[in-house]
Amino acid sequence: MAELGGYRFFGIANFAECWAGGLTSEFFDNATKVNKCWGVRPNYRECNDYAETKCVAPPVYNYIYEIIS
């Protein structure tokens, strides 16, 4: 959906919410540090940029993905 909307970045917040928008500091203000992100179900292990699973962020934060085309 973010790519169809013409966005280069999107964030996953609150474990399941997908957010995309213009490249403003407000969008990135709630980007979380790696130690607050988690892998998706069923394991919910701590996640980082090198994890084999997708990562999500807890409430208030965004785990930022960049769309590479």
PDB file of N, CA and C in Angstrom:
ATOM      1  N   MET A   1       0.824  -1.192   0.000  1.00  0.00           N
ATOM      2  CA  MET A   1       0.000   0.000   0.000  1.00  0.00           C
ATOM      3  C   MET A   1       0.868   1.256   0.000  1.00  0.00           C
ATOM      4  N   ALA A   2       1.920   1.269   0.807  1.00  0.00           N
ATOM      5  CA  ALA A   2       2.785   2.444   0.855  1.00  0.00           C
ATOM      6  C   ALA A   2       3.413   2.705  -0.507  1.00  0.00           C
ATOM      7  N   GLU A   3       3.867   1.648  -1.157  1.00  0.00           N
ATOM      8  CA  GLU A   3       4.486   1.804  -2.474  1.00  0.00           C
ATOM      9  C   GLU A   3       3.474   2.328  -3.495  1.00  0.00           C
ATOM     10  N   LEU A   4       2.255   1.813  -3.446  1.00  0.00           N
ATOM     11  CA  LEU A   4       1.210   2.296  -4.354  1.00  0.00           C
ATOM     12  C   LEU A   4       0.895   3.771  -4.116  1.00  0.00           C
ATOM     13  N   GLY A   5       1.075   4.220  -2.872  1.00  0.00           N
ATOM     14  CA  GLY A   5       0.847   5.617  -2.534  1.00  0.00           C
ATOM     15  C   GLY A   5       2.018   6.519  -2.884  1.00  0.00           C
ATOM     16  N   GLY A   6       3.097   5.929  -3.411  1.00  0.00           N
ATOM     17  CA  GLY A   6       4.253   6.716  -3.804  1.00  0.00           C
ATOM     18  C   GLY A   6       5.224   7.011  -2.680  1.00  0.00           C
ATOM     19  N   TYR A   7       5.120   6.272  -1.574  1.00  0.00           N
ATOM     20  CA  TYR A   7       6.000   6.512  -0.436  1.00  0.00           C
ATOM     21  C   TYR A   7       7.243   5.636  -0.499  1.00  0.00           C
ATOM     22  N   ARG A   8       8.366   6.184  -0.058  1.00  0.00           N
ATOM     23  CA  ARG A   8       9.629   5.439  -0.026  1.00  0.00           C
ATOM     24  C   ARG A   8       9.814   4.718   1.309  1.00  0.00           C
ATOM     25  N   PHE A   9       9.222   5.254   2.373  1.00  0.00           N
ATOM     26  CA  PHE A   9       9.359   4.686   3.712  1.00  0.00           C
ATOM     27  C   PHE A   9       7.982   4.420   4.308  1.00  0.00           C
ATOM     28  N   PHE A  10       7.908   3.410   5.172  1.00  0.00           N
ATOM     29  CA  PHE A  10       6.703   3.190   5.969  1.00  0.00           C
ATOM     30  C   PHE A  10       7.139   2.633   7.313  1.00  0.00           C
ATOM     31  N   GLY A  11       6.279   2.761   8.305  1.00  0.00           N
ATOM     32  CA  GLY A  11       6.592   2.277   9.641  1.00  0.00           C
ATOM     33  C   GLY A  11       5.506   1.357  10.158  1.00  0.00           C
ATOM     34  N   ILE A  12       5.924   0.374  10.955  1.00  0.00           N
ATOM     35  CA  ILE A  12       4.977  -0.519  11.622  1.00  0.00           C
ATOM     36  C   ILE A  12       4.981  -0.143  13.102  1.00  0.00           C
ATOM     37  N   ALA A  13       3.825   0.258  13.605  1.00  0.00           N
ATOM     38  CA  ALA A  13       3.691   0.696  14.990  1.00  0.00           C
ATOM     39  C   ALA A  13       2.647  -0.147  15.704  1.00  0.00           C
ATOM     40  N   ASN A  14       2.736  -0.172  17.025  1.00  0.00           N
ATOM     41  CA  ASN A  14       1.742  -0.850  17.855  1.00  0.00           C
ATOM     42  C   ASN A  14       1.538  -2.303  17.417  1.00  0.00           C
ATOM     43  N   PHE A  15       2.613  -2.938  16.999  1.00  0.00           N
ATOM     44  CA  PHE A  15       2.653  -4.347  16.610  1.00  0.00           C
ATOM     45  C   PHE A  15       1.897  -4.678  15.328  1.00  0.00           C
ATOM     46  N   ALA A  16       1.074  -3.781  14.774  1.00  0.00           N
ATOM     47  CA  ALA A  16       0.309  -4.145  13.581  1.00  0.00           C
ATOM     48  C   ALA A  16      -0.120  -2.971  12.710  1.00  0.00           C
ATOM     49  N   GLU A  17       0.050  -1.741  13.161  1.00  0.00           N
ATOM     50  CA  GLU A  17      -0.422  -0.590  12.392  1.00  0.00           C
ATOM     51  C   GLU A  17       0.635  -0.164  11.381  1.00  0.00           C
ATOM     52  N   CYS A  18       0.229   0.034  10.150  1.00  0.00           N
ATOM     53  CA  CYS A  18       1.143   0.472   9.097  1.00  0.00           C
ATOM     54  C   CYS A  18       0.924   1.965   8.847  1.00  0.00           C
ATOM     55  N   TRP A  19       2.009   2.741   8.920  1.00  0.00           N
ATOM     56  CA  TRP A  19       1.936   4.177   8.715  1.00  0.00           C
ATOM     57  C   TRP A  19       2.886   4.584   7.601  1.00  0.00           C
ATOM     58  N   ALA A  20       2.450   5.469   6.748  1.00  0.00           N
ATOM     59  CA  ALA A  20       3.301   6.033   5.701  1.00  0.00           C
ATOM     60  C   ALA A  20       2.952   7.506   5.574  1.00  0.00           C
ATOM     61  N   GLY A  21       3.903   8.270   5.112  1.00  0.00           N
ATOM     62  CA  GLY A  21       3.647   9.690   4.955  1.00  0.00           C
ATOM     63  C   GLY A  21       4.824  10.367   4.301  1.00  0.00           C
ATOM     64  N   GLY A  22       4.739  11.676   4.219  1.00  0.00           N
ATOM     65  CA  GLY A  22       5.836  12.440   3.651  1.00  0.00           C
ATOM     66  C   GLY A  22       7.073  12.327   4.523  1.00  0.00           C
ATOM     67  N   LEU A  23       8.201  12.611   3.921  1.00  0.00           N
ATOM     68  CA  LEU A  23       9.464  12.529   4.663  1.00  0.00           C
ATOM     69  C   LEU A  23       9.630  13.762   5.531  1.00  0.00           C
ATOM     70  N   THR A  24       8.992  13.730   6.685  1.00  0.00           N
ATOM     71  CA  THR A  24       9.094  14.832   7.632  1.00  0.00           C
ATOM     72  C   THR A  24       9.733  14.321   8.907  1.00  0.00           C
ATOM     73  N   SER A  25      10.265  15.233   9.687  1.00  0.00           N
ATOM     74  CA  SER A  25      10.875  14.819  10.950  1.00  0.00           C
ATOM     75  C   SER A  25       9.832  14.196  11.871  1.00  0.00           C
ATOM     76  N   GLU A  26       8.576  14.617  11.757  1.00  0.00           N
ATOM     77  CA  GLU A  26       7.518  14.057  12.606  1.00  0.00           C
ATOM     78  C   GLU A  26       7.352  12.557  12.372  1.00  0.00           C
ATOM     79  N   PHE A  27       7.454  12.128  11.104  1.00  0.00           N
ATOM     80  CA  PHE A  27       7.321  10.703  10.789  1.00  0.00           C
ATOM     81  C   PHE A  27       8.425   9.899  11.464  1.00  0.00           C
ATOM     82  N   PHE A  28       9.637  10.452  11.483  1.00  0.00           N
ATOM     83  CA  PHE A  28      10.775   9.730  12.038  1.00  0.00           C
ATOM     84  C   PHE A  28      10.970   9.967  13.533  1.00  0.00           C
ATOM     85  N   ASP A  29      10.295  10.955  14.111  1.00  0.00           N
ATOM     86  CA  ASP A  29      10.443  11.231  15.544  1.00  0.00           C
ATOM     87  C   ASP A  29      10.094  10.026  16.395  1.00  0.00           C
ATOM     88  N   ASN A  30       9.136   9.237  15.961  1.00  0.00           N
ATOM     89  CA  ASN A  30       8.715   8.076  16.735  1.00  0.00           C
ATOM     90  C   ASN A  30       9.357   6.787  16.248  1.00  0.00           C
ATOM     91  N   ALA A  31      10.425   6.906  15.472  1.00  0.00           N
ATOM     92  CA  ALA A  31      11.176   5.706  15.087  1.00  0.00           C
ATOM     93  C   ALA A  31      11.886   5.211  16.335  1.00  0.00           C
ATOM     94  N   THR A  32      11.820   3.942  16.558  1.00  0.00           N
ATOM     95  CA  THR A  32      12.358   3.397  17.791  1.00  0.00           C
ATOM     96  C   THR A  32      13.779   2.900  17.628  1.00  0.00           C
ATOM     97  N   LYS A  33      14.474   2.831  18.719  1.00  0.00           N
ATOM     98  CA  LYS A  33      15.794   2.224  18.717  1.00  0.00           C
ATOM     99  C   LYS A  33      15.609   0.715  18.602  1.00  0.00           C
ATOM    100  N   VAL A  34      16.610   0.057  18.092  1.00  0.00           N
ATOM    101  CA  VAL A  34      16.517  -1.376  17.797  1.00  0.00           C
ATOM    102  C   VAL A  34      16.083  -2.196  19.001  1.00  0.00           C
ATOM    103  N   ASN A  35      16.513  -1.857  20.199  1.00  0.00           N
ATOM    104  CA  ASN A  35      16.221  -2.702  21.359  1.00  0.00           C
ATOM    105  C   ASN A  35      14.773  -2.634  21.830  1.00  0.00           C
ATOM    106  N   LYS A  36      13.915  -1.901  21.146  1.00  0.00           N
ATOM    107  CA  LYS A  36      12.504  -1.853  21.524  1.00  0.00           C
ATOM    108  C   LYS A  36      11.615  -2.565  20.514  1.00  0.00           C
ATOM    109  N   CYS A  37      12.205  -3.124  19.462  1.00  0.00           N
ATOM    110  CA  CYS A  37      11.412  -3.776  18.423  1.00  0.00           C
ATOM    111  C   CYS A  37      11.372  -5.279  18.628  1.00  0.00           C
ATOM    112  N   TRP A  38      10.323  -5.888  18.060  1.00  0.00           N
ATOM    113  CA  TRP A  38      10.098  -7.317  18.249  1.00  0.00           C
ATOM    114  C   TRP A  38       9.780  -7.988  16.926  1.00  0.00           C
ATOM    115  N   GLY A  39      10.140  -9.252  16.830  1.00  0.00           N
ATOM    116  CA  GLY A  39       9.741 -10.055  15.682  1.00  0.00           C
ATOM    117  C   GLY A  39       8.264 -10.371  15.785  1.00  0.00           C
ATOM    118  N   VAL A  40       7.709 -10.773  14.692  1.00  0.00           N
ATOM    119  CA  VAL A  40       6.277 -11.075  14.666  1.00  0.00           C
ATOM    120  C   VAL A  40       5.985 -12.435  15.284  1.00  0.00           C
ATOM    121  N   ARG A  41       4.697 -12.737  15.464  1.00  0.00           N
ATOM    122  CA  ARG A  41       4.273 -13.997  16.076  1.00  0.00           C
ATOM    123  C   ARG A  41       4.869 -15.188  15.347  1.00  0.00           C
ATOM    124  N   PRO A  42       5.060 -16.284  15.982  1.00  0.00           N
ATOM    125  CA  PRO A  42       4.640 -16.619  17.337  1.00  0.00           C
ATOM    126  C   PRO A  42       5.701 -16.332  18.392  1.00  0.00           C
ATOM    127  N   ASN A  43       6.899 -15.925  18.005  1.00  0.00           N
ATOM    128  CA  ASN A  43       7.995 -15.860  18.976  1.00  0.00           C
ATOM    129  C   ASN A  43       8.177 -14.509  19.650  1.00  0.00           C
ATOM    130  N   TYR A  44       7.864 -13.426  19.003  1.00  0.00           N
ATOM    131  CA  TYR A  44       8.037 -12.082  19.554  1.00  0.00           C
ATOM    132  C   TYR A  44       9.427 -11.865  20.134  1.00  0.00           C
ATOM    133  N   ARG A  45      10.445 -12.358  19.474  1.00  0.00           N
ATOM    134  CA  ARG A  45      11.810 -12.156  19.957  1.00  0.00           C
ATOM    135  C   ARG A  45      12.278 -10.752  19.622  1.00  0.00           C
ATOM    136  N   GLU A  46      13.270 -10.285  20.393  1.00  0.00           N
ATOM    137  CA  GLU A  46      13.849  -8.982  20.104  1.00  0.00           C
ATOM    138  C   GLU A  46      14.348  -8.964  18.665  1.00  0.00           C
ATOM    139  N   CYS A  47      14.163  -7.864  17.988  1.00  0.00           N
ATOM    140  CA  CYS A  47      14.422  -7.793  16.559  1.00  0.00           C
ATOM    141  C   CYS A  47      15.378  -6.641  16.252  1.00  0.00           C
ATOM    142  N   ASN A  48      16.136  -6.784  15.172  1.00  0.00           N
ATOM    143  CA  ASN A  48      16.987  -5.699  14.704  1.00  0.00           C
ATOM    144  C   ASN A  48      17.067  -5.755  13.183  1.00  0.00           C
ATOM    145  N   ASP A  49      17.845  -4.866  12.604  1.00  0.00           N
ATOM    146  CA  ASP A  49      17.918  -4.766  11.141  1.00  0.00           C
ATOM    147  C   ASP A  49      18.467  -6.018  10.473  1.00  0.00           C
ATOM    148  N   TYR A  50      19.114  -6.892  11.210  1.00  0.00           N
ATOM    149  CA  TYR A  50      19.717  -8.097  10.636  1.00  0.00           C
ATOM    150  C   TYR A  50      18.901  -9.359  10.915  1.00  0.00           C
ATOM    151  N   ALA A  51      17.751  -9.204  11.526  1.00  0.00           N
ATOM    152  CA  ALA A  51      16.914 -10.353  11.872  1.00  0.00           C
ATOM    153  C   ALA A  51      16.363 -11.014  10.613  1.00  0.00           C
ATOM    154  N   GLU A  52      16.127 -12.309  10.706  1.00  0.00           N
ATOM    155  CA  GLU A  52      15.563 -13.049   9.575  1.00  0.00           C
ATOM    156  C   GLU A  52      14.057 -12.852   9.450  1.00  0.00           C
ATOM    157  N   THR A  53      13.409 -12.384  10.506  1.00  0.00           N
ATOM    158  CA  THR A  53      11.963 -12.163  10.474  1.00  0.00           C
ATOM    159  C   THR A  53      11.665 -10.682  10.287  1.00  0.00           C
ATOM    160  N   LYS A  54      10.425 -10.382  10.016  1.00  0.00           N
ATOM    161  CA  LYS A  54       9.994  -8.988   9.958  1.00  0.00           C
ATOM    162  C   LYS A  54       9.985  -8.431  11.371  1.00  0.00           C
ATOM    163  N   CYS A  55      10.143  -7.123  11.492  1.00  0.00           N
ATOM    164  CA  CYS A  55      10.153  -6.480  12.804  1.00  0.00           C
ATOM    165  C   CYS A  55       8.959  -5.543  12.942  1.00  0.00           C
ATOM    166  N   VAL A  56       8.476  -5.397  14.161  1.00  0.00           N
ATOM    167  CA  VAL A  56       7.389  -4.477  14.482  1.00  0.00           C
ATOM    168  C   VAL A  56       7.785  -3.693  15.723  1.00  0.00           C
ATOM    169  N   ALA A  57       7.137  -2.559  15.928  1.00  0.00           N
ATOM    170  CA  ALA A  57       7.439  -1.724  17.086  1.00  0.00           C
ATOM    171  C   ALA A  57       6.266  -1.728  18.064  1.00  0.00           C
ATOM    172  N   PRO A  58       6.560  -1.462  19.331  1.00  0.00           N
ATOM    173  CA  PRO A  58       5.498  -1.375  20.333  1.00  0.00           C
ATOM    174  C   PRO A  58       4.724  -0.063  20.173  1.00  0.00           C
ATOM    175  N   PRO A  59       3.667   0.144  20.959  1.00  0.00           N
ATOM    176  CA  PRO A  59       2.894   1.383  20.874  1.00  0.00           C
ATOM    177  C   PRO A  59       3.792   2.615  20.977  1.00  0.00           C
ATOM    178  N   VAL A  60       3.437   3.651  20.266  1.00  0.00           N
ATOM    179  CA  VAL A  60       4.083   4.962  20.231  1.00  0.00           C
ATOM    180  C   VAL A  60       5.289   5.007  19.289  1.00  0.00           C
ATOM    181  N   TYR A  61       5.854   3.873  18.928  1.00  0.00           N
ATOM    182  CA  TYR A  61       7.052   3.850  18.094  1.00  0.00           C
ATOM    183  C   TYR A  61       6.752   3.314  16.699  1.00  0.00           C
ATOM    184  N   ASN A  62       7.672   3.544  15.775  1.00  0.00           N
ATOM    185  CA  ASN A  62       7.604   2.988  14.424  1.00  0.00           C
ATOM    186  C   ASN A  62       8.875   2.207  14.139  1.00  0.00           C
ATOM    187  N   TYR A  63       8.746   1.036  13.551  1.00  0.00           N
ATOM    188  CA  TYR A  63       9.903   0.353  12.984  1.00  0.00           C
ATOM    189  C   TYR A  63       9.873   0.712  11.507  1.00  0.00           C
ATOM    190  N   ILE A  64      10.895   1.410  11.030  1.00  0.00           N
ATOM    191  CA  ILE A  64      10.897   1.984   9.688  1.00  0.00           C
ATOM    192  C   ILE A  64      11.464   1.008   8.665  1.00  0.00           C
ATOM    193  N   TYR A  65      10.737   0.859   7.567  1.00  0.00           N
ATOM    194  CA  TYR A  65      11.187   0.084   6.414  1.00  0.00           C
ATOM    195  C   TYR A  65      11.357   1.038   5.234  1.00  0.00           C
ATOM    196  N   GLU A  66      12.350   0.758   4.393  1.00  0.00           N
ATOM    197  CA  GLU A  66      12.537   1.520   3.156  1.00  0.00           C
ATOM    198  C   GLU A  66      12.160   0.620   1.990  1.00  0.00           C
ATOM    199  N   ILE A  67      11.382   1.153   1.068  1.00  0.00           N
ATOM    200  CA  ILE A  67      10.984   0.403  -0.122  1.00  0.00           C
ATOM    201  C   ILE A  67      12.073   0.581  -1.172  1.00  0.00           C
ATOM    202  N   ILE A  68      12.666  -0.515  -1.587  1.00  0.00           N
ATOM    203  CA  ILE A  68      13.706  -0.504  -2.612  1.00  0.00           C
ATOM    204  C   ILE A  68      13.082  -1.043  -3.896  1.00  0.00           C
ATOM    205  N   SER A  69      13.067  -0.213  -4.938  1.00  0.00           N
ATOM    206  CA  SER A  69      12.485  -0.712  -6.185  1.00  0.00           C
ATOM    207  C   SER A  69      13.482  -0.670  -7.317  1.00  0.00           C
TER     208      SER A  69
END
